[in-house]
Amino acid sequence: MPWIALGLALTFAFYGLLRKVVVVAPLVGLAMETLMITPVALALVGYWQATGVGNFGTTLPLSLLFMGAGVMTSMPLLWFNNAAKRLRLSTLGFFQYLAPSLQLMLGVFLYREPFTPTHAVTFGCIWTALLLYSTTSLLQRQG
């Protein structure tokens, strides 16, 4: 069983549902989430520095890159939170398949990663299910 993949899918689905039903502005909610995880992050950075495996603070350019990575990570979360408030969860879930599909295409076509028949069948099943779901949703809206 792909426990890590299932765990990630379930926790992110729960996160999307929570962001949809909790009545709080997306920016305020993201700020609260960040404040809640900050002590854990600071403890880890401190531990890594104390054990000699940390790199934060070693050079200014590297530290600025770390901080920029935090900003670059938070922007998609903010956009997701805004989308979760405005879109149906089924629509939001459909769009969640775009990023992995684009990453797969990038890996196969740009980086020449192997794409086996097993990959093709799996990828085909996922997109066939999405096509069936989308077609059914569209027919229900029209009817």
C-alpha atoms as a PDB file:
ATOM      1  CA  MET A   1       0.000   0.000   0.000  1.00  0.00           C
ATOM      2  CA  PRO A   2       1.310   3.465  -0.828  1.00  0.00           C
ATOM      3  CA  TRP A   3       0.787   4.766   2.732  1.00  0.00           C
ATOM      4  CA  ILE A   4       2.681   8.022   2.246  1.00  0.00           C
ATOM      5  CA  ALA A   5       0.718   8.915  -0.894  1.00  0.00           C
ATOM      6  CA  LEU A   6      -2.583   8.029   0.751  1.00  0.00           C
ATOM      7  CA  GLY A   7      -1.656   9.972   3.877  1.00  0.00           C
ATOM      8  CA  LEU A   8      -0.725  13.046   1.856  1.00  0.00           C
ATOM      9  CA  ALA A   9      -3.903  12.831  -0.207  1.00  0.00           C
ATOM     10  CA  LEU A  10      -6.141  12.448   2.834  1.00  0.00           C
ATOM     11  CA  THR A  11      -4.494  15.188   4.885  1.00  0.00           C
ATOM     12  CA  PHE A  12      -4.546  17.639   1.975  1.00  0.00           C
ATOM     13  CA  ALA A  13      -8.179  16.788   1.229  1.00  0.00           C
ATOM     14  CA  PHE A  14      -9.019  17.385   4.895  1.00  0.00           C
ATOM     15  CA  TYR A  15      -7.060  20.654   4.790  1.00  0.00           C
ATOM     16  CA  GLY A  16      -9.044  21.789   1.730  1.00  0.00           C
ATOM     17  CA  LEU A  17     -12.327  20.905   3.425  1.00  0.00           C
ATOM     18  CA  LEU A  18     -11.290  22.689   6.604  1.00  0.00           C
ATOM     19  CA  ARG A  19     -10.290  25.814   4.667  1.00  0.00           C
ATOM     20  CA  LYS A  20     -13.661  25.696   2.899  1.00  0.00           C
ATOM     21  CA  VAL A  21     -15.842  25.466   5.996  1.00  0.00           C
ATOM     22  CA  VAL A  22     -13.923  27.597   8.515  1.00  0.00           C
ATOM     23  CA  VAL A  23     -15.183  31.156   8.368  1.00  0.00           C
ATOM     24  CA  VAL A  24     -11.932  33.112   8.309  1.00  0.00           C
ATOM     25  CA  ALA A  25     -10.254  35.217   5.627  1.00  0.00           C
ATOM     26  CA  PRO A  26      -7.630  33.246   3.657  1.00  0.00           C
ATOM     27  CA  LEU A  27      -4.763  35.556   4.616  1.00  0.00           C
ATOM     28  CA  VAL A  28      -5.704  35.522   8.301  1.00  0.00           C
ATOM     29  CA  GLY A  29      -6.055  31.733   8.260  1.00  0.00           C
ATOM     30  CA  LEU A  30      -2.649  31.278   6.625  1.00  0.00           C
ATOM     31  CA  ALA A  31      -1.103  33.666   9.156  1.00  0.00           C
ATOM     32  CA  MET A  32      -2.583  31.631  12.012  1.00  0.00           C
ATOM     33  CA  GLU A  33      -1.341  28.359  10.492  1.00  0.00           C
ATOM     34  CA  THR A  34       2.123  29.867  10.122  1.00  0.00           C
ATOM     35  CA  LEU A  35       2.124  31.111  13.719  1.00  0.00           C
ATOM     36  CA  MET A  36       1.129  27.654  14.957  1.00  0.00           C
ATOM     37  CA  ILE A  37       3.983  25.888  13.130  1.00  0.00           C
ATOM     38  CA  THR A  38       6.627  28.570  13.850  1.00  0.00           C
ATOM     39  CA  PRO A  39       7.758  27.156  17.234  1.00  0.00           C
ATOM     40  CA  VAL A  40       8.330  23.728  15.671  1.00  0.00           C
ATOM     41  CA  ALA A  41      10.298  25.248  12.783  1.00  0.00           C
ATOM     42  CA  LEU A  42      12.419  27.377  15.112  1.00  0.00           C
ATOM     43  CA  ALA A  43      13.117  24.380  17.344  1.00  0.00           C
ATOM     44  CA  LEU A  44      14.254  22.341  14.330  1.00  0.00           C
ATOM     45  CA  VAL A  45      16.475  25.131  12.997  1.00  0.00           C
ATOM     46  CA  GLY A  46      17.997  25.545  16.462  1.00  0.00           C
ATOM     47  CA  TYR A  47      18.562  21.813  16.819  1.00  0.00           C
ATOM     48  CA  TRP A  48      20.208  21.563  13.413  1.00  0.00           C
ATOM     49  CA  GLN A  49      22.466  24.511  14.207  1.00  0.00           C
ATOM     50  CA  ALA A  50      23.401  23.014  17.577  1.00  0.00           C
ATOM     51  CA  THR A  51      24.270  19.642  16.023  1.00  0.00           C
ATOM     52  CA  GLY A  52      26.252  21.228  13.199  1.00  0.00           C
ATOM     53  CA  VAL A  53      24.074  20.090  10.315  1.00  0.00           C
ATOM     54  CA  GLY A  54      22.157  23.358   9.862  1.00  0.00           C
ATOM     55  CA  ASN A  55      22.908  25.809   7.096  1.00  0.00           C
ATOM     56  CA  PHE A  56      20.685  28.735   8.051  1.00  0.00           C
ATOM     57  CA  GLY A  57      22.798  31.738   8.993  1.00  0.00           C
ATOM     58  CA  THR A  58      26.039  30.416   7.529  1.00  0.00           C
ATOM     59  CA  THR A  59      26.036  32.954   4.692  1.00  0.00           C
ATOM     60  CA  LEU A  60      23.749  35.864   3.909  1.00  0.00           C
ATOM     61  CA  PRO A  61      22.909  34.729   0.353  1.00  0.00           C
ATOM     62  CA  LEU A  62      21.992  31.236   1.547  1.00  0.00           C
ATOM     63  CA  SER A  63      19.874  32.606   4.397  1.00  0.00           C
ATOM     64  CA  LEU A  64      18.077  34.921   1.960  1.00  0.00           C
ATOM     65  CA  LEU A  65      17.392  31.948  -0.309  1.00  0.00           C
ATOM     66  CA  PHE A  66      15.896  30.042   2.627  1.00  0.00           C
ATOM     67  CA  MET A  67      13.654  32.988   3.502  1.00  0.00           C
ATOM     68  CA  GLY A  68      12.657  33.419  -0.143  1.00  0.00           C
ATOM     69  CA  ALA A  69      11.757  29.743  -0.306  1.00  0.00           C
ATOM     70  CA  GLY A  70       9.369  30.324   2.593  1.00  0.00           C
ATOM     71  CA  VAL A  71       7.657  33.140   0.724  1.00  0.00           C
ATOM     72  CA  MET A  72       7.518  31.095  -2.467  1.00  0.00           C
ATOM     73  CA  THR A  73       5.928  28.238  -0.515  1.00  0.00           C
ATOM     74  CA  SER A  74       3.349  30.427   1.190  1.00  0.00           C
ATOM     75  CA  MET A  75       2.067  32.104  -1.969  1.00  0.00           C
ATOM     76  CA  PRO A  76       0.568  28.905  -3.493  1.00  0.00           C
ATOM     77  CA  LEU A  77      -0.993  28.111  -0.104  1.00  0.00           C
ATOM     78  CA  LEU A  78      -2.595  31.548  -0.032  1.00  0.00           C
ATOM     79  CA  TRP A  79      -3.884  31.084  -3.577  1.00  0.00           C
ATOM     80  CA  PHE A  80      -5.210  27.637  -2.651  1.00  0.00           C
ATOM     81  CA  ASN A  81      -6.984  29.098   0.381  1.00  0.00           C
ATOM     82  CA  ASN A  82      -8.594  31.769  -1.796  1.00  0.00           C
ATOM     83  CA  ALA A  83      -9.652  29.153  -4.347  1.00  0.00           C
ATOM     84  CA  ALA A  84     -11.053  26.893  -1.616  1.00  0.00           C
ATOM     85  CA  LYS A  85     -13.354  29.706  -0.522  1.00  0.00           C
ATOM     86  CA  ARG A  86     -14.581  30.459  -4.051  1.00  0.00           C
ATOM     87  CA  LEU A  87     -14.766  27.096  -5.846  1.00  0.00           C
ATOM     88  CA  ARG A  88     -16.688  23.887  -5.287  1.00  0.00           C
ATOM     89  CA  LEU A  89     -14.525  21.214  -3.669  1.00  0.00           C
ATOM     90  CA  SER A  90     -15.026  18.947  -6.681  1.00  0.00           C
ATOM     91  CA  THR A  91     -13.628  21.648  -8.977  1.00  0.00           C
ATOM     92  CA  LEU A  92     -10.747  22.280  -6.618  1.00  0.00           C
ATOM     93  CA  GLY A  93     -10.010  18.550  -6.477  1.00  0.00           C
ATOM     94  CA  PHE A  94      -9.960  18.354 -10.271  1.00  0.00           C
ATOM     95  CA  PHE A  95      -7.380  21.130 -10.464  1.00  0.00           C
ATOM     96  CA  GLN A  96      -5.214  19.283  -7.950  1.00  0.00           C
ATOM     97  CA  TYR A  97      -4.527  16.715 -10.688  1.00  0.00           C
ATOM     98  CA  LEU A  98      -3.001  19.294 -13.003  1.00  0.00           C
ATOM     99  CA  ALA A  99       0.242  19.875 -11.088  1.00  0.00           C
ATOM    100  CA  PRO A 100       1.244  16.185 -10.851  1.00  0.00           C
ATOM    101  CA  SER A 101       0.279  15.671 -14.490  1.00  0.00           C
ATOM    102  CA  LEU A 102       2.392  18.628 -15.583  1.00  0.00           C
ATOM    103  CA  GLN A 103       5.274  17.354 -13.437  1.00  0.00           C
ATOM    104  CA  LEU A 104       4.964  13.949 -15.075  1.00  0.00           C
ATOM    105  CA  MET A 105       5.061  15.505 -18.545  1.00  0.00           C
ATOM    106  CA  LEU A 106       8.037  17.639 -17.544  1.00  0.00           C
ATOM    107  CA  GLY A 107       9.867  14.555 -16.291  1.00  0.00           C
ATOM    108  CA  VAL A 108       9.079  12.467 -19.347  1.00  0.00           C
ATOM    109  CA  PHE A 109       9.537  15.036 -22.114  1.00  0.00           C
ATOM    110  CA  LEU A 110      12.189  17.390 -20.727  1.00  0.00           C
ATOM    111  CA  TYR A 111      14.219  15.164 -18.418  1.00  0.00           C
ATOM    112  CA  ARG A 112      13.686  11.939 -20.399  1.00  0.00           C
ATOM    113  CA  GLU A 113      12.456   9.950 -17.389  1.00  0.00           C
ATOM    114  CA  PRO A 114      11.262   6.434 -18.264  1.00  0.00           C
ATOM    115  CA  PHE A 115       7.537   6.096 -18.928  1.00  0.00           C
ATOM    116  CA  THR A 116       6.688   2.418 -18.723  1.00  0.00           C
ATOM    117  CA  PRO A 117       3.464   0.707 -19.795  1.00  0.00           C
ATOM    118  CA  THR A 118       2.541   0.495 -16.104  1.00  0.00           C
ATOM    119  CA  HIS A 119       2.833   4.270 -15.846  1.00  0.00           C
ATOM    120  CA  ALA A 120       0.693   4.672 -18.959  1.00  0.00           C
ATOM    121  CA  VAL A 121      -2.065   2.416 -17.607  1.00  0.00           C
ATOM    122  CA  THR A 122      -2.067   4.149 -14.224  1.00  0.00           C
ATOM    123  CA  PHE A 123      -2.040   7.615 -15.760  1.00  0.00           C
ATOM    124  CA  GLY A 124      -4.770   6.572 -18.191  1.00  0.00           C
ATOM    125  CA  CYS A 125      -6.976   5.244 -15.369  1.00  0.00           C
ATOM    126  CA  ILE A 126      -6.638   8.465 -13.392  1.00  0.00           C
ATOM    127  CA  TRP A 127      -7.535  10.701 -16.315  1.00  0.00           C
ATOM    128  CA  THR A 128     -10.326   8.368 -17.486  1.00  0.00           C
ATOM    129  CA  ALA A 129     -11.884   8.608 -14.027  1.00  0.00           C
ATOM    130  CA  LEU A 130     -11.530  12.393 -14.119  1.00  0.00           C
ATOM    131  CA  LEU A 131     -13.107  12.516 -17.570  1.00  0.00           C
ATOM    132  CA  LEU A 132     -16.041  10.367 -16.414  1.00  0.00           C
ATOM    133  CA  TYR A 133     -16.518  12.500 -13.309  1.00  0.00           C
ATOM    134  CA  SER A 134     -16.331  15.744 -15.273  1.00  0.00           C
ATOM    135  CA  THR A 135     -18.734  14.503 -17.935  1.00  0.00           C
ATOM    136  CA  THR A 136     -21.231  13.364 -15.300  1.00  0.00           C
ATOM    137  CA  SER A 137     -20.981  16.700 -13.480  1.00  0.00           C
ATOM    138  CA  LEU A 138     -21.479  18.610 -16.726  1.00  0.00           C
ATOM    139  CA  LEU A 139     -24.519  16.533 -17.688  1.00  0.00           C
ATOM    140  CA  GLN A 140     -26.050  17.022 -14.234  1.00  0.00           C
ATOM    141  CA  ARG A 141     -25.614  20.795 -14.503  1.00  0.00           C
ATOM    142  CA  GLN A 142     -27.281  20.893 -17.924  1.00  0.00           C
ATOM    143  CA  GLY A 143     -30.125  18.548 -16.996  1.00  0.00           C
END
